[in-house]
């Protein structure tokens, strides 16, 4: 399970880097992150994690509501 999570995180952060969320100045000494763009992805990620956690809780309860 953790292997799948790690692979997904590698893919996610690779994509995030390619999406232009962070940038390096021309001298190569300063790395900056655009908080507004990053916030959109963090909220989406939290939604995915929350959905996964809720499904795990529901599975443990045996589908009882």
PDB file of N, CA and C in Angstrom:
ATOM      1  N   UNK A   1       0.823  -1.190   0.000  1.00  0.00           N
ATOM      2  CA  UNK A   1       0.000   0.000   0.000  1.00  0.00           C
ATOM      3  C   UNK A   1       0.869   1.258   0.000  1.00  0.00           C
ATOM      4  N   UNK A   2       1.877   1.299   0.854  1.00  0.00           N
ATOM      5  CA  UNK A   2       2.723   2.484   0.921  1.00  0.00           C
ATOM      6  C   UNK A   2       3.525   2.684  -0.363  1.00  0.00           C
ATOM      7  N   UNK A   3       3.829   1.607  -1.047  1.00  0.00           N
ATOM      8  CA  UNK A   3       4.517   1.727  -2.329  1.00  0.00           C
ATOM      9  C   UNK A   3       3.643   2.479  -3.321  1.00  0.00           C
ATOM     10  N   UNK A   4       2.356   2.152  -3.368  1.00  0.00           N
ATOM     11  CA  UNK A   4       1.442   2.844  -4.275  1.00  0.00           C
ATOM     12  C   UNK A   4       1.321   4.324  -3.915  1.00  0.00           C
ATOM     13  N   UNK A   5       1.265   4.614  -2.631  1.00  0.00           N
ATOM     14  CA  UNK A   5       1.186   6.004  -2.191  1.00  0.00           C
ATOM     15  C   UNK A   5       2.452   6.747  -2.603  1.00  0.00           C
ATOM     16  N   UNK A   6       3.595   6.135  -2.406  1.00  0.00           N
ATOM     17  CA  UNK A   6       4.861   6.778  -2.756  1.00  0.00           C
ATOM     18  C   UNK A   6       4.959   7.023  -4.262  1.00  0.00           C
ATOM     19  N   UNK A   7       4.534   6.067  -5.061  1.00  0.00           N
ATOM     20  CA  UNK A   7       4.551   6.239  -6.511  1.00  0.00           C
ATOM     21  C   UNK A   7       3.607   7.368  -6.921  1.00  0.00           C
ATOM     22  N   UNK A   8       2.442   7.419  -6.309  1.00  0.00           N
ATOM     23  CA  UNK A   8       1.491   8.484  -6.617  1.00  0.00           C
ATOM     24  C   UNK A   8       2.056   9.846  -6.234  1.00  0.00           C
ATOM     25  N   UNK A   9       2.744   9.907  -5.096  1.00  0.00           N
ATOM     26  CA  UNK A   9       3.339  11.178  -4.677  1.00  0.00           C
ATOM     27  C   UNK A   9       4.448  11.606  -5.625  1.00  0.00           C
ATOM     28  N   UNK A  10       5.258  10.669  -6.082  1.00  0.00           N
ATOM     29  CA  UNK A  10       6.292  11.009  -7.063  1.00  0.00           C
ATOM     30  C   UNK A  10       5.660  11.605  -8.315  1.00  0.00           C
ATOM     31  N   UNK A  11       4.628  10.954  -8.805  1.00  0.00           N
ATOM     32  CA  UNK A  11       3.956  11.440 -10.008  1.00  0.00           C
ATOM     33  C   UNK A  11       3.316  12.808  -9.765  1.00  0.00           C
ATOM     34  N   UNK A  12       2.675  12.965  -8.612  1.00  0.00           N
ATOM     35  CA  UNK A  12       2.010  14.225  -8.290  1.00  0.00           C
ATOM     36  C   UNK A  12       2.994  15.373  -8.206  1.00  0.00           C
ATOM     37  N   UNK A  13       4.087  15.188  -7.464  1.00  0.00           N
ATOM     38  CA  UNK A  13       5.038  16.283  -7.320  1.00  0.00           C
ATOM     39  C   UNK A  13       5.810  16.546  -8.604  1.00  0.00           C
ATOM     40  N   UNK A  14       6.025  15.542  -9.404  1.00  0.00           N
ATOM     41  CA  UNK A  14       6.626  15.765 -10.710  1.00  0.00           C
ATOM     42  C   UNK A  14       5.719  16.589 -11.597  1.00  0.00           C
ATOM     43  N   UNK A  15       4.434  16.255 -11.578  1.00  0.00           N
ATOM     44  CA  UNK A  15       3.470  17.019 -12.347  1.00  0.00           C
ATOM     45  C   UNK A  15       3.354  18.437 -11.796  1.00  0.00           C
ATOM     46  N   UNK A  16       3.354  18.572 -10.471  1.00  0.00           N
ATOM     47  CA  UNK A  16       3.236  19.877  -9.832  1.00  0.00           C
ATOM     48  C   UNK A  16       4.402  20.770 -10.226  1.00  0.00           C
ATOM     49  N   UNK A  17       5.589  20.211 -10.282  1.00  0.00           N
ATOM     50  CA  UNK A  17       6.751  20.988 -10.693  1.00  0.00           C
ATOM     51  C   UNK A  17       6.627  21.425 -12.149  1.00  0.00           C
ATOM     52  N   UNK A  18       6.082  20.569 -12.989  1.00  0.00           N
ATOM     53  CA  UNK A  18       5.901  20.915 -14.387  1.00  0.00           C
ATOM     54  C   UNK A  18       4.754  21.867 -14.643  1.00  0.00           C
ATOM     55  N   UNK A  19       3.846  21.995 -13.680  1.00  0.00           N
ATOM     56  CA  UNK A  19       2.680  22.858 -13.843  1.00  0.00           C
ATOM     57  C   UNK A  19       3.004  24.321 -13.584  1.00  0.00           C
ATOM     58  N   UNK A  20       4.195  24.611 -13.152  1.00  0.00           N
ATOM     59  CA  UNK A  20       4.587  25.995 -12.945  1.00  0.00           C
ATOM     60  C   UNK A  20       4.181  26.586 -11.618  1.00  0.00           C
ATOM     61  N   UNK A  21       4.005  25.762 -10.610  1.00  0.00           N
ATOM     62  CA  UNK A  21       3.634  26.271  -9.294  1.00  0.00           C
ATOM     63  C   UNK A  21       4.823  26.965  -8.640  1.00  0.00           C
ATOM     64  N   UNK A  22       6.004  26.451  -8.865  1.00  0.00           N
ATOM     65  CA  UNK A  22       7.212  27.068  -8.320  1.00  0.00           C
ATOM     66  C   UNK A  22       8.067  27.622  -9.438  1.00  0.00           C
ATOM     67  N   UNK A  23       8.915  28.575  -9.099  1.00  0.00           N
ATOM     68  CA  UNK A  23       9.815  29.134 -10.106  1.00  0.00           C
ATOM     69  C   UNK A  23      11.156  29.478  -9.451  1.00  0.00           C
ATOM     70  N   UNK A  24      12.183  29.469 -10.273  1.00  0.00           N
ATOM     71  CA  UNK A  24      13.535  29.811  -9.822  1.00  0.00           C
ATOM     72  C   UNK A  24      13.936  31.099 -10.511  1.00  0.00           C
ATOM     73  N   UNK A  25      14.523  32.026  -9.763  1.00  0.00           N
ATOM     74  CA  UNK A  25      14.949  33.285 -10.372  1.00  0.00           C
ATOM     75  C   UNK A  25      16.116  33.040 -11.342  1.00  0.00           C
ATOM     76  N   UNK A  26      16.414  34.005 -12.197  1.00  0.00           N
ATOM     77  CA  UNK A  26      17.463  33.805 -13.205  1.00  0.00           C
ATOM     78  C   UNK A  26      18.842  33.468 -12.637  1.00  0.00           C
ATOM     79  N   UNK A  27      19.126  33.884 -11.416  1.00  0.00           N
ATOM     80  CA  UNK A  27      20.431  33.567 -10.832  1.00  0.00           C
ATOM     81  C   UNK A  27      20.484  32.134 -10.313  1.00  0.00           C
ATOM     82  N   UNK A  28      19.315  31.515 -10.118  1.00  0.00           N
ATOM     83  CA  UNK A  28      19.254  30.143  -9.633  1.00  0.00           C
ATOM     84  C   UNK A  28      19.417  30.023  -8.137  1.00  0.00           C
ATOM     85  N   UNK A  29      19.314  31.123  -7.427  1.00  0.00           N
ATOM     86  CA  UNK A  29      19.528  31.088  -5.980  1.00  0.00           C
ATOM     87  C   UNK A  29      18.242  31.134  -5.165  1.00  0.00           C
ATOM     88  N   UNK A  30      17.151  31.588  -5.770  1.00  0.00           N
ATOM     89  CA  UNK A  30      15.900  31.746  -5.031  1.00  0.00           C
ATOM     90  C   UNK A  30      14.805  30.925  -5.709  1.00  0.00           C
ATOM     91  N   UNK A  31      14.162  30.060  -4.928  1.00  0.00           N
ATOM     92  CA  UNK A  31      13.025  29.280  -5.402  1.00  0.00           C
ATOM     93  C   UNK A  31      11.783  29.825  -4.728  1.00  0.00           C
ATOM     94  N   UNK A  32      10.784  30.199  -5.509  1.00  0.00           N
ATOM     95  CA  UNK A  32       9.555  30.735  -4.921  1.00  0.00           C
ATOM     96  C   UNK A  32       8.366  29.907  -5.367  1.00  0.00           C
ATOM     97  N   UNK A  33       7.367  29.863  -4.503  1.00  0.00           N
ATOM     98  CA  UNK A  33       6.148  29.092  -4.759  1.00  0.00           C
ATOM     99  C   UNK A  33       4.983  30.056  -4.773  1.00  0.00           C
ATOM    100  N   UNK A  34       4.118  29.903  -5.781  1.00  0.00           N
ATOM    101  CA  UNK A  34       2.913  30.727  -5.860  1.00  0.00           C
ATOM    102  C   UNK A  34       1.843  30.083  -4.985  1.00  0.00           C
ATOM    103  N   UNK A  35       1.538  30.714  -3.890  1.00  0.00           N
ATOM    104  CA  UNK A  35       0.622  30.157  -2.891  1.00  0.00           C
ATOM    105  C   UNK A  35      -0.781  29.969  -3.461  1.00  0.00           C
ATOM    106  N   UNK A  36      -1.246  30.917  -4.272  1.00  0.00           N
ATOM    107  CA  UNK A  36      -2.609  30.803  -4.816  1.00  0.00           C
ATOM    108  C   UNK A  36      -2.771  29.553  -5.663  1.00  0.00           C
ATOM    109  N   UNK A  37      -1.818  29.280  -6.523  1.00  0.00           N
ATOM    110  CA  UNK A  37      -1.905  28.087  -7.360  1.00  0.00           C
ATOM    111  C   UNK A  37      -1.710  26.820  -6.542  1.00  0.00           C
ATOM    112  N   UNK A  38      -0.811  26.875  -5.572  1.00  0.00           N
ATOM    113  CA  UNK A  38      -0.559  25.708  -4.739  1.00  0.00           C
ATOM    114  C   UNK A  38      -1.770  25.380  -3.867  1.00  0.00           C
ATOM    115  N   UNK A  39      -2.472  26.409  -3.404  1.00  0.00           N
ATOM    116  CA  UNK A  39      -3.637  26.194  -2.544  1.00  0.00           C
ATOM    117  C   UNK A  39      -4.724  25.383  -3.251  1.00  0.00           C
ATOM    118  N   UNK A  40      -4.907  25.630  -4.548  1.00  0.00           N
ATOM    119  CA  UNK A  40      -5.907  24.866  -5.291  1.00  0.00           C
ATOM    120  C   UNK A  40      -5.587  23.379  -5.257  1.00  0.00           C
ATOM    121  N   UNK A  41      -4.326  23.048  -5.423  1.00  0.00           N
ATOM    122  CA  UNK A  41      -3.923  21.640  -5.454  1.00  0.00           C
ATOM    123  C   UNK A  41      -3.939  21.021  -4.069  1.00  0.00           C
ATOM    124  N   UNK A  42      -3.619  21.815  -3.057  1.00  0.00           N
ATOM    125  CA  UNK A  42      -3.667  21.280  -1.687  1.00  0.00           C
ATOM    126  C   UNK A  42      -5.098  20.938  -1.288  1.00  0.00           C
ATOM    127  N   UNK A  43      -6.034  21.805  -1.637  1.00  0.00           N
ATOM    128  CA  UNK A  43      -7.438  21.534  -1.314  1.00  0.00           C
ATOM    129  C   UNK A  43      -7.916  20.285  -2.050  1.00  0.00           C
ATOM    130  N   UNK A  44      -7.545  20.152  -3.305  1.00  0.00           N
ATOM    131  CA  UNK A  44      -7.917  18.951  -4.064  1.00  0.00           C
ATOM    132  C   UNK A  44      -7.318  17.702  -3.422  1.00  0.00           C
ATOM    133  N   UNK A  45      -6.049  17.797  -3.037  1.00  0.00           N
ATOM    134  CA  UNK A  45      -5.382  16.662  -2.398  1.00  0.00           C
ATOM    135  C   UNK A  45      -6.036  16.293  -1.079  1.00  0.00           C
ATOM    136  N   UNK A  46      -6.431  17.293  -0.302  1.00  0.00           N
ATOM    137  CA  UNK A  46      -7.113  17.012   0.959  1.00  0.00           C
ATOM    138  C   UNK A  46      -8.461  16.337   0.716  1.00  0.00           C
ATOM    139  N   UNK A  47      -9.129  16.728  -0.347  1.00  0.00           N
ATOM    140  CA  UNK A  47     -10.387  16.083  -0.694  1.00  0.00           C
ATOM    141  C   UNK A  47     -10.201  14.615  -1.028  1.00  0.00           C
ATOM    142  N   UNK A  48      -9.148  14.322  -1.770  1.00  0.00           N
ATOM    143  CA  UNK A  48      -8.851  12.931  -2.123  1.00  0.00           C
ATOM    144  C   UNK A  48      -8.514  12.124  -0.875  1.00  0.00           C
ATOM    145  N   UNK A  49      -7.662  12.681  -0.015  1.00  0.00           N
ATOM    146  CA  UNK A  49      -7.277  11.986   1.213  1.00  0.00           C
ATOM    147  C   UNK A  49      -8.488  11.790   2.121  1.00  0.00           C
ATOM    148  N   UNK A  50      -9.337  12.805   2.224  1.00  0.00           N
ATOM    149  CA  UNK A  50     -10.531  12.698   3.058  1.00  0.00           C
ATOM    150  C   UNK A  50     -11.490  11.627   2.556  1.00  0.00           C
ATOM    151  N   UNK A  51     -11.645  11.559   1.244  1.00  0.00           N
ATOM    152  CA  UNK A  51     -12.500  10.535   0.659  1.00  0.00           C
ATOM    153  C   UNK A  51     -11.948   9.137   0.922  1.00  0.00           C
ATOM    154  N   UNK A  52     -10.625   8.999   0.774  1.00  0.00           N
ATOM    155  CA  UNK A  52      -9.989   7.717   1.038  1.00  0.00           C
ATOM    156  C   UNK A  52     -10.164   7.309   2.503  1.00  0.00           C
ATOM    157  N   UNK A  53      -9.951   8.260   3.416  1.00  0.00           N
ATOM    158  CA  UNK A  53     -10.090   7.970   4.843  1.00  0.00           C
ATOM    159  C   UNK A  53     -11.534   7.580   5.177  1.00  0.00           C
ATOM    160  N   UNK A  54     -12.493   8.274   4.589  1.00  0.00           N
ATOM    161  CA  UNK A  54     -13.892   7.945   4.848  1.00  0.00           C
ATOM    162  C   UNK A  54     -14.232   6.546   4.337  1.00  0.00           C
ATOM    163  N   UNK A  55     -13.656   6.169   3.197  1.00  0.00           N
ATOM    164  CA  UNK A  55     -13.931   4.827   2.678  1.00  0.00           C
ATOM    165  C   UNK A  55     -13.322   3.755   3.578  1.00  0.00           C
ATOM    166  N   UNK A  56     -12.153   4.038   4.163  1.00  0.00           N
ATOM    167  CA  UNK A  56     -11.525   3.082   5.087  1.00  0.00           C
ATOM    168  C   UNK A  56     -12.374   2.922   6.343  1.00  0.00           C
ATOM    169  N   UNK A  57     -12.905   4.023   6.862  1.00  0.00           N
ATOM    170  CA  UNK A  57     -13.752   3.963   8.061  1.00  0.00           C
ATOM    171  C   UNK A  57     -15.018   3.177   7.743  1.00  0.00           C
ATOM    172  N   UNK A  58     -15.607   3.445   6.588  1.00  0.00           N
ATOM    173  CA  UNK A  58     -16.824   2.737   6.210  1.00  0.00           C
ATOM    174  C   UNK A  58     -16.553   1.243   6.037  1.00  0.00           C
ATOM    175  N   UNK A  59     -15.398   0.897   5.506  1.00  0.00           N
ATOM    176  CA  UNK A  59     -15.057  -0.511   5.335  1.00  0.00           C
ATOM    177  C   UNK A  59     -14.896  -1.214   6.689  1.00  0.00           C
ATOM    178  N   UNK A  60     -14.270  -0.518   7.637  1.00  0.00           N
ATOM    179  CA  UNK A  60     -14.107  -1.108   8.975  1.00  0.00           C
ATOM    180  C   UNK A  60     -15.428  -1.317   9.681  1.00  0.00           C
ATOM    181  N   UNK A  61     -16.369  -0.440   9.418  1.00  0.00           N
ATOM    182  CA  UNK A  61     -17.682  -0.550  10.055  1.00  0.00           C
ATOM    183  C   UNK A  61     -18.516  -1.614   9.362  1.00  0.00           C
ATOM    184  N   UNK A  62     -18.001  -2.186   8.308  1.00  0.00           N
ATOM    185  CA  UNK A  62     -18.713  -3.246   7.625  1.00  0.00           C
ATOM    186  C   UNK A  62     -19.865  -2.759   6.765  1.00  0.00           C
ATOM    187  N   UNK A  63     -19.775  -1.500   6.353  1.00  0.00           N
ATOM    188  CA  UNK A  63     -20.834  -0.957   5.507  1.00  0.00           C
ATOM    189  C   UNK A  63     -22.059  -0.534   6.262  1.00  0.00           C
ATOM    190  N   UNK A  64     -22.037  -0.612   7.595  1.00  0.00           N
ATOM    191  CA  UNK A  64     -23.197  -0.183   8.404  1.00  0.00           C
ATOM    192  C   UNK A  64     -23.257   1.323   8.451  1.00  0.00           C
ATOM    193  N   UNK A  65     -24.432   1.868   8.338  1.00  0.00           N
ATOM    194  CA  UNK A  65     -24.602   3.324   8.423  1.00  0.00           C
ATOM    195  C   UNK A  65     -25.492   3.688   9.580  1.00  0.00           C
TER     196      UNK A  65
END
